[in-house]
Amino acid sequence: MKKVSELSVKIFADGADKAGMLEMYAKPYIKGFTTNPTLMRKVGITDYQAFAKDVLKAIPDRPISFEVFSDDFDEMRRQALQIASWGRNVYVKIPVTNTLGKPATRLIGDLARHGVRLNITAMMTLSQVHEVSQAIGSDTPACVSVFAGRIADTGRDPVPLMTAAVEMLKPYKNQELIWASPRELLNIFQADAIGCHIITVTNDILKKLDTVGKDLADYSLETVKMFRDDAVKADFRLHGFPGAS
């Protein structure tokens, strides 16, 4: 098994809690950051711009993605240009469609031609990857974010689709594939094995990196001890049988 330091896939921390982001910023294996409106809402952020600019002051030298939040393509464009102006390390997240299912490819192409670094999000099909990669073109740096974890939630194995997506992006040296919404630590190694460029990982999964390569017999014994310790702390007892205590 590879060590974390030997992985080719770049690990991006996914979250919107500033303290958690700074905790991950201190770790050299974290190569970038992603956020989204849902994550921001979960931690109680109410001033989008103030939060973003505060984070960018603290993390000025690694890629950070911030998402537009309009459902209208003209307003998305205005927001994208404003967000992009906040820093050279900013990638603007654009959803693959609006909520009516209308493709954002025309907007994506327009922003790419204007030099806006993009992170196209919420993709789950190879046809979406194909259309988006063509819209981005070969010049502006961009990320193509496929939600492999949500694909897995439907009972489908995401590995074949993600492998095909890697091949699909090979003609575009400026585009990187993101394995988004992972569900377990194993996904990092799966992404690395197929040559995926980036995986976005939440802090709860990242904190499991200390278990990579752990001896399974030792891990088994630790688990047994955990169950026993918790039973003792809870003072569990069975009553009604001779000799029970």
C-alpha atoms as a PDB file:
ATOM      1  CA  MET A   1       0.000   0.000   0.000  1.00  0.00           C
ATOM      2  CA  LYS A   2       1.217   3.486  -0.875  1.00  0.00           C
ATOM      3  CA  LYS A   3       1.993   6.024   1.798  1.00  0.00           C
ATOM      4  CA  VAL A   4       0.078   9.298   1.620  1.00  0.00           C
ATOM      5  CA  SER A   5       3.305  11.048   0.596  1.00  0.00           C
ATOM      6  CA  GLU A   6       3.600   8.690  -2.406  1.00  0.00           C
ATOM      7  CA  LEU A   7       0.166   9.430  -3.866  1.00  0.00           C
ATOM      8  CA  SER A   8      -0.059  11.185  -7.219  1.00  0.00           C
ATOM      9  CA  VAL A   9      -3.640  12.358  -6.739  1.00  0.00           C
ATOM     10  CA  LYS A  10      -3.844  15.809  -5.155  1.00  0.00           C
ATOM     11  CA  ILE A  11      -5.935  15.994  -1.993  1.00  0.00           C
ATOM     12  CA  PHE A  12      -8.140  19.070  -1.608  1.00  0.00           C
ATOM     13  CA  ALA A  13      -9.926  19.744   1.697  1.00  0.00           C
ATOM     14  CA  ASP A  14     -13.670  20.196   1.251  1.00  0.00           C
ATOM     15  CA  GLY A  15     -15.388  22.403   3.819  1.00  0.00           C
ATOM     16  CA  ALA A  16     -16.386  25.899   4.878  1.00  0.00           C
ATOM     17  CA  ASP A  17     -15.318  26.014   8.515  1.00  0.00           C
ATOM     18  CA  LYS A  18     -12.395  28.431   8.684  1.00  0.00           C
ATOM     19  CA  ALA A  19     -10.770  26.750  11.681  1.00  0.00           C
ATOM     20  CA  GLY A  20     -10.971  23.374   9.951  1.00  0.00           C
ATOM     21  CA  MET A  21      -9.603  24.843   6.732  1.00  0.00           C
ATOM     22  CA  LEU A  22      -6.643  26.356   8.547  1.00  0.00           C
ATOM     23  CA  GLU A  23      -6.016  23.060  10.334  1.00  0.00           C
ATOM     24  CA  MET A  24      -5.737  21.392   6.924  1.00  0.00           C
ATOM     25  CA  TYR A  25      -3.715  24.282   5.474  1.00  0.00           C
ATOM     26  CA  ALA A  26      -0.984  23.403   7.974  1.00  0.00           C
ATOM     27  CA  LYS A  27      -0.670  19.945   6.402  1.00  0.00           C
ATOM     28  CA  PRO A  28       1.639  19.850   3.355  1.00  0.00           C
ATOM     29  CA  TYR A  29      -0.330  17.057   1.668  1.00  0.00           C
ATOM     30  CA  ILE A  30      -3.392  19.318   1.333  1.00  0.00           C
ATOM     31  CA  LYS A  31      -2.934  20.959  -2.060  1.00  0.00           C
ATOM     32  CA  GLY A  32      -6.129  23.026  -2.283  1.00  0.00           C
ATOM     33  CA  PHE A  33      -9.619  23.725  -0.962  1.00  0.00           C
ATOM     34  CA  THR A  34     -13.222  23.598  -2.146  1.00  0.00           C
ATOM     35  CA  THR A  35     -16.382  25.072  -0.682  1.00  0.00           C
ATOM     36  CA  ASN A  36     -20.032  25.277  -1.702  1.00  0.00           C
ATOM     37  CA  PRO A  37     -23.195  27.084  -0.510  1.00  0.00           C
ATOM     38  CA  THR A  38     -24.493  23.992   1.309  1.00  0.00           C
ATOM     39  CA  LEU A  39     -21.303  23.656   3.360  1.00  0.00           C
ATOM     40  CA  MET A  40     -21.367  27.377   4.137  1.00  0.00           C
ATOM     41  CA  ARG A  41     -24.969  27.235   5.306  1.00  0.00           C
ATOM     42  CA  LYS A  42     -24.208  24.254   7.570  1.00  0.00           C
ATOM     43  CA  VAL A  43     -21.629  26.261   9.509  1.00  0.00           C
ATOM     44  CA  GLY A  44     -23.817  29.364   9.721  1.00  0.00           C
ATOM     45  CA  ILE A  45     -22.086  31.666   7.237  1.00  0.00           C
ATOM     46  CA  THR A  46     -24.343  34.577   6.303  1.00  0.00           C
ATOM     47  CA  ASP A  47     -21.928  36.983   4.564  1.00  0.00           C
ATOM     48  CA  TYR A  48     -20.566  35.063   1.581  1.00  0.00           C
ATOM     49  CA  GLN A  49     -18.118  37.686   0.379  1.00  0.00           C
ATOM     50  CA  ALA A  50     -16.725  38.522   3.813  1.00  0.00           C
ATOM     51  CA  PHE A  51     -16.127  34.835   4.541  1.00  0.00           C
ATOM     52  CA  ALA A  52     -14.423  34.236   1.200  1.00  0.00           C
ATOM     53  CA  LYS A  53     -12.113  37.240   1.469  1.00  0.00           C
ATOM     54  CA  ASP A  54     -11.215  36.349   5.048  1.00  0.00           C
ATOM     55  CA  VAL A  55     -10.261  32.817   4.005  1.00  0.00           C
ATOM     56  CA  LEU A  56      -8.261  34.081   1.044  1.00  0.00           C
ATOM     57  CA  LYS A  57      -6.197  36.323   3.317  1.00  0.00           C
ATOM     58  CA  ALA A  58      -5.360  33.280   5.446  1.00  0.00           C
ATOM     59  CA  ILE A  59      -4.807  30.926   2.492  1.00  0.00           C
ATOM     60  CA  PRO A  60      -3.302  32.997  -0.343  1.00  0.00           C
ATOM     61  CA  ASP A  61      -1.224  30.364  -2.110  1.00  0.00           C
ATOM     62  CA  ARG A  62      -3.357  27.270  -2.764  1.00  0.00           C
ATOM     63  CA  PRO A  63      -6.349  26.877  -5.092  1.00  0.00           C
ATOM     64  CA  ILE A  64      -9.728  27.614  -3.467  1.00  0.00           C
ATOM     65  CA  SER A  65     -13.083  27.143  -5.182  1.00  0.00           C
ATOM     66  CA  PHE A  66     -16.070  29.378  -4.446  1.00  0.00           C
ATOM     67  CA  GLU A  67     -19.413  28.745  -6.139  1.00  0.00           C
ATOM     68  CA  VAL A  68     -21.860  31.091  -7.815  1.00  0.00           C
ATOM     69  CA  PHE A  69     -25.331  30.886  -6.289  1.00  0.00           C
ATOM     70  CA  SER A  70     -27.658  32.379  -8.895  1.00  0.00           C
ATOM     71  CA  ASP A  71     -29.916  30.254 -11.098  1.00  0.00           C
ATOM     72  CA  ASP A  72     -29.848  32.795 -13.957  1.00  0.00           C
ATOM     73  CA  PHE A  73     -26.939  32.474 -16.367  1.00  0.00           C
ATOM     74  CA  ASP A  74     -26.434  36.231 -16.821  1.00  0.00           C
ATOM     75  CA  GLU A  75     -26.297  36.697 -13.056  1.00  0.00           C
ATOM     76  CA  MET A  76     -24.020  33.659 -12.739  1.00  0.00           C
ATOM     77  CA  ARG A  77     -21.634  35.376 -15.150  1.00  0.00           C
ATOM     78  CA  ARG A  78     -21.661  38.594 -13.130  1.00  0.00           C
ATOM     79  CA  GLN A  79     -21.036  36.682  -9.903  1.00  0.00           C
ATOM     80  CA  ALA A  80     -18.301  34.589 -11.512  1.00  0.00           C
ATOM     81  CA  LEU A  81     -16.352  37.635 -12.676  1.00  0.00           C
ATOM     82  CA  GLN A  82     -16.661  39.219  -9.242  1.00  0.00           C
ATOM     83  CA  ILE A  83     -15.580  36.067  -7.400  1.00  0.00           C
ATOM     84  CA  ALA A  84     -12.653  35.549  -9.794  1.00  0.00           C
ATOM     85  CA  SER A  85     -11.395  39.071  -8.989  1.00  0.00           C
ATOM     86  CA  TRP A  86     -10.808  38.133  -5.354  1.00  0.00           C
ATOM     87  CA  GLY A  87      -7.502  36.366  -6.018  1.00  0.00           C
ATOM     88  CA  ARG A  88      -5.315  34.489  -8.510  1.00  0.00           C
ATOM     89  CA  ASN A  89      -5.795  31.282  -6.528  1.00  0.00           C
ATOM     90  CA  VAL A  90      -9.592  31.463  -6.882  1.00  0.00           C
ATOM     91  CA  TYR A  91     -11.477  28.927  -8.992  1.00  0.00           C
ATOM     92  CA  VAL A  92     -15.115  29.764  -9.674  1.00  0.00           C
ATOM     93  CA  LYS A  93     -17.528  26.864  -9.307  1.00  0.00           C
ATOM     94  CA  ILE A  94     -20.237  26.752 -11.960  1.00  0.00           C
ATOM     95  CA  PRO A  95     -22.953  24.069 -11.790  1.00  0.00           C
ATOM     96  CA  VAL A  96     -23.187  21.905 -14.908  1.00  0.00           C
ATOM     97  CA  THR A  97     -26.821  23.028 -15.345  1.00  0.00           C
ATOM     98  CA  ASN A  98     -29.212  25.430 -13.671  1.00  0.00           C
ATOM     99  CA  THR A  99     -32.148  24.103 -11.623  1.00  0.00           C
ATOM    100  CA  LEU A 100     -34.254  23.827 -14.791  1.00  0.00           C
ATOM    101  CA  GLY A 101     -31.713  21.401 -16.241  1.00  0.00           C
ATOM    102  CA  LYS A 102     -30.443  23.856 -18.863  1.00  0.00           C
ATOM    103  CA  PRO A 103     -26.757  23.217 -19.632  1.00  0.00           C
ATOM    104  CA  ALA A 104     -24.273  25.879 -18.559  1.00  0.00           C
ATOM    105  CA  THR A 105     -21.884  25.106 -21.427  1.00  0.00           C
ATOM    106  CA  ARG A 106     -22.306  28.467 -23.181  1.00  0.00           C
ATOM    107  CA  LEU A 107     -21.524  30.336 -19.955  1.00  0.00           C
ATOM    108  CA  ILE A 108     -18.608  28.002 -19.240  1.00  0.00           C
ATOM    109  CA  GLY A 109     -17.088  28.660 -22.650  1.00  0.00           C
ATOM    110  CA  ASP A 110     -17.549  32.414 -22.283  1.00  0.00           C
ATOM    111  CA  LEU A 111     -15.881  32.511 -18.858  1.00  0.00           C
ATOM    112  CA  ALA A 112     -13.019  30.283 -20.013  1.00  0.00           C
ATOM    113  CA  ARG A 113     -12.352  32.621 -22.959  1.00  0.00           C
ATOM    114  CA  HIS A 114     -12.184  35.495 -20.449  1.00  0.00           C
ATOM    115  CA  GLY A 115      -9.517  33.659 -18.470  1.00  0.00           C
ATOM    116  CA  VAL A 116     -11.664  32.760 -15.441  1.00  0.00           C
ATOM    117  CA  ARG A 117     -10.335  29.676 -13.680  1.00  0.00           C
ATOM    118  CA  LEU A 118     -13.271  27.313 -13.387  1.00  0.00           C
ATOM    119  CA  ASN A 119     -14.452  24.358 -11.351  1.00  0.00           C
ATOM    120  CA  ILE A 120     -17.476  22.846 -13.077  1.00  0.00           C
ATOM    121  CA  THR A 121     -19.482  21.027 -10.428  1.00  0.00           C
ATOM    122  CA  ALA A 122     -22.254  18.475  -9.859  1.00  0.00           C
ATOM    123  CA  MET A 123     -21.466  16.303 -12.887  1.00  0.00           C
ATOM    124  CA  MET A 124     -22.400  12.624 -12.882  1.00  0.00           C
ATOM    125  CA  THR A 125     -22.391  11.465 -16.512  1.00  0.00           C
ATOM    126  CA  LEU A 126     -19.729  11.053 -19.186  1.00  0.00           C
ATOM    127  CA  SER A 127     -21.799  13.066 -21.650  1.00  0.00           C
ATOM    128  CA  GLN A 128     -21.608  15.989 -19.218  1.00  0.00           C
ATOM    129  CA  VAL A 129     -17.836  15.566 -18.944  1.00  0.00           C
ATOM    130  CA  HIS A 130     -17.518  15.538 -22.735  1.00  0.00           C
ATOM    131  CA  GLU A 131     -19.649  18.646 -23.266  1.00  0.00           C
ATOM    132  CA  VAL A 132     -18.018  20.605 -20.438  1.00  0.00           C
ATOM    133  CA  SER A 133     -14.447  19.742 -21.431  1.00  0.00           C
ATOM    134  CA  GLN A 134     -15.131  20.904 -24.995  1.00  0.00           C
ATOM    135  CA  ALA A 135     -16.694  24.130 -23.723  1.00  0.00           C
ATOM    136  CA  ILE A 136     -13.670  24.882 -21.531  1.00  0.00           C
ATOM    137  CA  GLY A 137     -11.204  24.324 -24.339  1.00  0.00           C
ATOM    138  CA  SER A 138      -7.433  24.089 -24.109  1.00  0.00           C
ATOM    139  CA  ASP A 139      -6.283  27.360 -22.567  1.00  0.00           C
ATOM    140  CA  THR A 140      -7.711  28.365 -19.189  1.00  0.00           C
ATOM    141  CA  PRO A 141      -6.974  26.188 -16.126  1.00  0.00           C
ATOM    142  CA  ALA A 142     -10.114  24.370 -15.030  1.00  0.00           C
ATOM    143  CA  CYS A 143     -11.386  21.515 -12.896  1.00  0.00           C
ATOM    144  CA  VAL A 144     -14.046  19.057 -14.006  1.00  0.00           C
ATOM    145  CA  SER A 145     -15.777  17.807 -10.869  1.00  0.00           C
ATOM    146  CA  VAL A 146     -17.586  14.465 -11.052  1.00  0.00           C
ATOM    147  CA  PHE A 147     -19.522  13.444  -7.954  1.00  0.00           C
ATOM    148  CA  ALA A 148     -18.275   9.882  -7.693  1.00  0.00           C
ATOM    149  CA  GLY A 149     -19.624   9.503  -4.162  1.00  0.00           C
ATOM    150  CA  ARG A 150     -23.154  10.343  -5.232  1.00  0.00           C
ATOM    151  CA  ILE A 151     -22.818   7.956  -8.161  1.00  0.00           C
ATOM    152  CA  ALA A 152     -21.902   5.245  -5.632  1.00  0.00           C
ATOM    153  CA  ASP A 153     -24.952   6.197  -3.551  1.00  0.00           C
ATOM    154  CA  THR A 154     -27.116   4.996  -6.457  1.00  0.00           C
ATOM    155  CA  GLY A 155     -25.594   1.512  -6.300  1.00  0.00           C
ATOM    156  CA  ARG A 156     -23.278   2.102  -9.279  1.00  0.00           C
ATOM    157  CA  ASP A 157     -19.534   1.530  -9.146  1.00  0.00           C
ATOM    158  CA  PRO A 158     -18.000   4.939  -9.955  1.00  0.00           C
ATOM    159  CA  VAL A 159     -14.551   3.586 -10.840  1.00  0.00           C
ATOM    160  CA  PRO A 160     -15.280   2.660 -14.495  1.00  0.00           C
ATOM    161  CA  LEU A 161     -16.948   6.015 -15.123  1.00  0.00           C
ATOM    162  CA  MET A 162     -14.126   7.942 -13.463  1.00  0.00           C
ATOM    163  CA  THR A 163     -11.539   5.911 -15.408  1.00  0.00           C
ATOM    164  CA  ALA A 164     -13.290   6.836 -18.654  1.00  0.00           C
ATOM    165  CA  ALA A 165     -13.412  10.487 -17.573  1.00  0.00           C
ATOM    166  CA  VAL A 166      -9.639  10.478 -17.012  1.00  0.00           C
ATOM    167  CA  GLU A 167      -9.158   9.295 -20.583  1.00  0.00           C
ATOM    168  CA  MET A 168     -11.640  11.859 -21.886  1.00  0.00           C
ATOM    169  CA  LEU A 169      -9.654  14.754 -20.402  1.00  0.00           C
ATOM    170  CA  LYS A 170      -6.231  13.615 -21.631  1.00  0.00           C
ATOM    171  CA  PRO A 171      -6.285  15.892 -24.711  1.00  0.00           C
ATOM    172  CA  TYR A 172      -6.763  18.900 -22.414  1.00  0.00           C
ATOM    173  CA  LYS A 173      -3.589  19.571 -20.429  1.00  0.00           C
ATOM    174  CA  ASN A 174      -5.234  22.537 -18.698  1.00  0.00           C
ATOM    175  CA  GLN A 175      -8.120  20.478 -17.282  1.00  0.00           C
ATOM    176  CA  GLU A 176      -8.023  18.359 -14.126  1.00  0.00           C
ATOM    177  CA  LEU A 177     -10.566  15.754 -13.075  1.00  0.00           C
ATOM    178  CA  ILE A 178     -11.906  15.932  -9.525  1.00  0.00           C
ATOM    179  CA  TRP A 179     -13.226  12.846  -7.725  1.00  0.00           C
ATOM    180  CA  ALA A 180     -15.864  14.667  -5.668  1.00  0.00           C
ATOM    181  CA  SER A 181     -17.981  13.642  -2.672  1.00  0.00           C
ATOM    182  CA  PRO A 182     -15.939  10.621  -1.543  1.00  0.00           C
ATOM    183  CA  ARG A 183     -17.579   8.416   1.040  1.00  0.00           C
ATOM    184  CA  GLU A 184     -14.549   6.686   2.576  1.00  0.00           C
ATOM    185  CA  LEU A 185     -10.775   6.871   2.807  1.00  0.00           C
ATOM    186  CA  LEU A 186     -10.418   4.050   0.267  1.00  0.00           C
ATOM    187  CA  ASN A 187     -11.699   6.437  -2.405  1.00  0.00           C
ATOM    188  CA  ILE A 188      -8.429   8.392  -2.199  1.00  0.00           C
ATOM    189  CA  PHE A 189      -6.492   5.292  -3.222  1.00  0.00           C
ATOM    190  CA  GLN A 190      -9.033   4.410  -5.910  1.00  0.00           C
ATOM    191  CA  ALA A 191      -8.727   7.892  -7.379  1.00  0.00           C
ATOM    192  CA  ASP A 192      -4.936   7.631  -7.323  1.00  0.00           C
ATOM    193  CA  ALA A 193      -4.974   4.203  -8.991  1.00  0.00           C
ATOM    194  CA  ILE A 194      -6.924   5.418 -12.039  1.00  0.00           C
ATOM    195  CA  GLY A 195      -4.866   8.576 -12.495  1.00  0.00           C
ATOM    196  CA  CYS A 196      -7.494  11.043 -11.293  1.00  0.00           C
ATOM    197  CA  HIS A 197      -5.884  14.430 -10.743  1.00  0.00           C
ATOM    198  CA  ILE A 198      -7.692  15.662  -7.605  1.00  0.00           C
ATOM    199  CA  ILE A 199      -9.949  14.312  -4.879  1.00  0.00           C
ATOM    200  CA  THR A 200     -11.923  16.603  -2.575  1.00  0.00           C
ATOM    201  CA  VAL A 201     -12.188  15.232   0.959  1.00  0.00           C
ATOM    202  CA  THR A 202     -14.022  16.446   4.064  1.00  0.00           C
ATOM    203  CA  ASN A 203     -12.148  16.809   7.345  1.00  0.00           C
ATOM    204  CA  ASP A 204     -13.883  13.841   8.978  1.00  0.00           C
ATOM    205  CA  ILE A 205     -12.435  11.532   6.316  1.00  0.00           C
ATOM    206  CA  LEU A 206      -9.067  13.304   6.259  1.00  0.00           C
ATOM    207  CA  LYS A 207      -8.665  12.642   9.975  1.00  0.00           C
ATOM    208  CA  LYS A 208      -8.637   8.913   9.183  1.00  0.00           C
ATOM    209  CA  LEU A 209      -5.365   9.254   7.259  1.00  0.00           C
ATOM    210  CA  ASP A 210      -3.501   8.225  10.415  1.00  0.00           C
ATOM    211  CA  THR A 211      -4.928   4.724   9.948  1.00  0.00           C
ATOM    212  CA  VAL A 212      -3.409   4.236   6.492  1.00  0.00           C
ATOM    213  CA  GLY A 213      -1.306   1.052   6.495  1.00  0.00           C
ATOM    214  CA  LYS A 214      -2.250   0.220  10.076  1.00  0.00           C
ATOM    215  CA  ASP A 215      -1.720  -3.415  11.118  1.00  0.00           C
ATOM    216  CA  LEU A 216      -5.161  -5.035  10.916  1.00  0.00           C
ATOM    217  CA  ALA A 217      -4.587  -7.382  13.874  1.00  0.00           C
ATOM    218  CA  ASP A 218      -3.663  -4.384  16.030  1.00  0.00           C
ATOM    219  CA  TYR A 219      -6.697  -2.496  14.731  1.00  0.00           C
ATOM    220  CA  SER A 220      -8.918  -5.461  15.594  1.00  0.00           C
ATOM    221  CA  LEU A 221      -7.614  -5.534  19.156  1.00  0.00           C
ATOM    222  CA  GLU A 222      -8.101  -1.773  19.531  1.00  0.00           C
ATOM    223  CA  THR A 223     -11.705  -2.191  18.413  1.00  0.00           C
ATOM    224  CA  VAL A 224     -12.331  -4.955  20.951  1.00  0.00           C
ATOM    225  CA  LYS A 225     -10.854  -2.758  23.686  1.00  0.00           C
ATOM    226  CA  MET A 226     -13.046   0.158  22.604  1.00  0.00           C
ATOM    227  CA  PHE A 227     -16.219  -1.940  22.897  1.00  0.00           C
ATOM    228  CA  ARG A 228     -15.142  -3.253  26.322  1.00  0.00           C
ATOM    229  CA  ASP A 229     -14.155   0.194  27.637  1.00  0.00           C
ATOM    230  CA  ASP A 230     -17.449   1.732  26.539  1.00  0.00           C
ATOM    231  CA  ALA A 231     -19.418  -1.112  28.152  1.00  0.00           C
ATOM    232  CA  VAL A 232     -17.588  -0.542  31.437  1.00  0.00           C
ATOM    233  CA  LYS A 233     -18.055   3.243  31.291  1.00  0.00           C
ATOM    234  CA  ALA A 234     -21.770   2.768  30.629  1.00  0.00           C
ATOM    235  CA  ASP A 235     -21.966   0.332  33.570  1.00  0.00           C
ATOM    236  CA  PHE A 236     -24.030  -2.111  31.501  1.00  0.00           C
ATOM    237  CA  ARG A 237     -25.500  -5.048  33.514  1.00  0.00           C
ATOM    238  CA  LEU A 238     -27.793  -7.965  32.832  1.00  0.00           C
ATOM    239  CA  HIS A 239     -30.288  -8.877  35.525  1.00  0.00           C
ATOM    240  CA  GLY A 240     -32.348 -11.964  36.280  1.00  0.00           C
ATOM    241  CA  PHE A 241     -29.751 -14.682  35.782  1.00  0.00           C
ATOM    242  CA  PRO A 242     -27.864 -16.506  38.546  1.00  0.00           C
ATOM    243  CA  GLY A 243     -24.451 -15.021  39.048  1.00  0.00           C
ATOM    244  CA  ALA A 244     -25.172 -11.980  36.898  1.00  0.00           C
ATOM    245  CA  SER A 245     -23.473  -8.763  37.992  1.00  0.00           C
END
